């Protein structure tokens, strides 16, 4: 995603908050959205249950690093 080689990445397998936090930070800095698949809300951290829900990563604009 950060290299601009993909526009969309669905994640439908278990991940924990620590698996995604750094990548999410990079995506956020590049204007790439990381949202919960069911609600469209931003993926949140520091929850009581550290297991992430299924999520989608979508490039909002044409950016690459």
C-alpha atoms as a PDB file:
ATOM      1  CA  UNK A   1       0.000   0.000   0.000  1.00  0.00           C
ATOM      2  CA  UNK A   2       2.686   2.512   0.991  1.00  0.00           C
ATOM      3  CA  UNK A   3       4.603   1.877  -2.233  1.00  0.00           C
ATOM      4  CA  UNK A   4       1.507   2.631  -4.296  1.00  0.00           C
ATOM      5  CA  UNK A   5       1.371  -0.889  -5.756  1.00  0.00           C
ATOM      6  CA  UNK A   6      -2.106  -1.591  -4.381  1.00  0.00           C
ATOM      7  CA  UNK A   7      -5.219   0.474  -3.756  1.00  0.00           C
ATOM      8  CA  UNK A   8      -7.128  -1.892  -1.482  1.00  0.00           C
ATOM      9  CA  UNK A   9      -6.243  -4.557   1.097  1.00  0.00           C
ATOM     10  CA  UNK A  10      -8.873  -6.527   3.014  1.00  0.00           C
ATOM     11  CA  UNK A  11      -7.777  -8.381   6.162  1.00  0.00           C
ATOM     12  CA  UNK A  12     -10.133 -11.209   7.114  1.00  0.00           C
ATOM     13  CA  UNK A  13      -7.815 -13.161   9.391  1.00  0.00           C
ATOM     14  CA  UNK A  14      -7.000 -12.677  13.068  1.00  0.00           C
ATOM     15  CA  UNK A  15      -4.592  -9.897  14.014  1.00  0.00           C
ATOM     16  CA  UNK A  16      -3.850  -8.214  17.296  1.00  0.00           C
ATOM     17  CA  UNK A  17      -3.372  -4.493  17.878  1.00  0.00           C
ATOM     18  CA  UNK A  18       0.429  -4.870  18.062  1.00  0.00           C
ATOM     19  CA  UNK A  19       0.420  -6.556  14.616  1.00  0.00           C
ATOM     20  CA  UNK A  20      -1.137  -3.560  12.892  1.00  0.00           C
ATOM     21  CA  UNK A  21      -0.226  -0.418  14.845  1.00  0.00           C
ATOM     22  CA  UNK A  22       3.002   0.493  13.001  1.00  0.00           C
ATOM     23  CA  UNK A  23       1.545  -0.194   9.555  1.00  0.00           C
ATOM     24  CA  UNK A  24      -1.570   1.769  10.461  1.00  0.00           C
ATOM     25  CA  UNK A  25       0.600   4.730  11.509  1.00  0.00           C
ATOM     26  CA  UNK A  26       2.412   4.647   8.154  1.00  0.00           C
ATOM     27  CA  UNK A  27      -0.875   4.406   6.270  1.00  0.00           C
ATOM     28  CA  UNK A  28      -2.341   7.320   8.231  1.00  0.00           C
ATOM     29  CA  UNK A  29       0.687   9.483   7.431  1.00  0.00           C
ATOM     30  CA  UNK A  30       0.178   8.732   3.728  1.00  0.00           C
ATOM     31  CA  UNK A  31      -3.588   9.367   3.705  1.00  0.00           C
ATOM     32  CA  UNK A  32      -4.471   5.666   3.484  1.00  0.00           C
ATOM     33  CA  UNK A  33      -7.599   4.747   5.446  1.00  0.00           C
ATOM     34  CA  UNK A  34      -7.763   1.729   7.766  1.00  0.00           C
ATOM     35  CA  UNK A  35     -11.390   1.013   8.627  1.00  0.00           C
ATOM     36  CA  UNK A  36     -13.439  -1.695  10.323  1.00  0.00           C
ATOM     37  CA  UNK A  37     -15.057  -3.860   7.654  1.00  0.00           C
ATOM     38  CA  UNK A  38     -18.512  -4.007   9.273  1.00  0.00           C
ATOM     39  CA  UNK A  39     -18.922  -0.342  10.232  1.00  0.00           C
ATOM     40  CA  UNK A  40     -16.563   1.738   8.103  1.00  0.00           C
ATOM     41  CA  UNK A  41     -15.289   3.384  11.294  1.00  0.00           C
ATOM     42  CA  UNK A  42     -11.531   3.905  11.756  1.00  0.00           C
ATOM     43  CA  UNK A  43      -9.708   0.954  13.303  1.00  0.00           C
ATOM     44  CA  UNK A  44      -9.307   1.744  17.019  1.00  0.00           C
ATOM     45  CA  UNK A  45      -6.631   0.780  19.538  1.00  0.00           C
ATOM     46  CA  UNK A  46      -6.324   0.336  23.309  1.00  0.00           C
ATOM     47  CA  UNK A  47      -9.579  -1.616  23.514  1.00  0.00           C
ATOM     48  CA  UNK A  48     -10.458  -4.082  26.312  1.00  0.00           C
ATOM     49  CA  UNK A  49     -10.119  -6.888  23.700  1.00  0.00           C
ATOM     50  CA  UNK A  50      -6.864  -6.415  21.794  1.00  0.00           C
ATOM     51  CA  UNK A  51      -8.026  -8.628  18.898  1.00  0.00           C
ATOM     52  CA  UNK A  52      -8.691  -6.522  15.801  1.00  0.00           C
ATOM     53  CA  UNK A  53     -11.942  -6.901  13.894  1.00  0.00           C
ATOM     54  CA  UNK A  54     -11.766  -7.583  10.165  1.00  0.00           C
ATOM     55  CA  UNK A  55     -10.556  -4.410   8.493  1.00  0.00           C
ATOM     56  CA  UNK A  56     -10.008  -2.769   5.128  1.00  0.00           C
ATOM     57  CA  UNK A  57      -7.085  -0.631   4.004  1.00  0.00           C
ATOM     58  CA  UNK A  58      -8.020   1.731   1.184  1.00  0.00           C
ATOM     59  CA  UNK A  59      -5.911   4.317  -0.555  1.00  0.00           C
ATOM     60  CA  UNK A  60      -7.821   7.609  -0.462  1.00  0.00           C
ATOM     61  CA  UNK A  61      -5.434   9.456  -2.767  1.00  0.00           C
ATOM     62  CA  UNK A  62      -2.577   8.557  -5.073  1.00  0.00           C
ATOM     63  CA  UNK A  63       0.408   8.609  -2.711  1.00  0.00           C
ATOM     64  CA  UNK A  64       3.566   6.565  -2.441  1.00  0.00           C
ATOM     65  CA  UNK A  65       6.737   6.804  -0.432  1.00  0.00           C
END
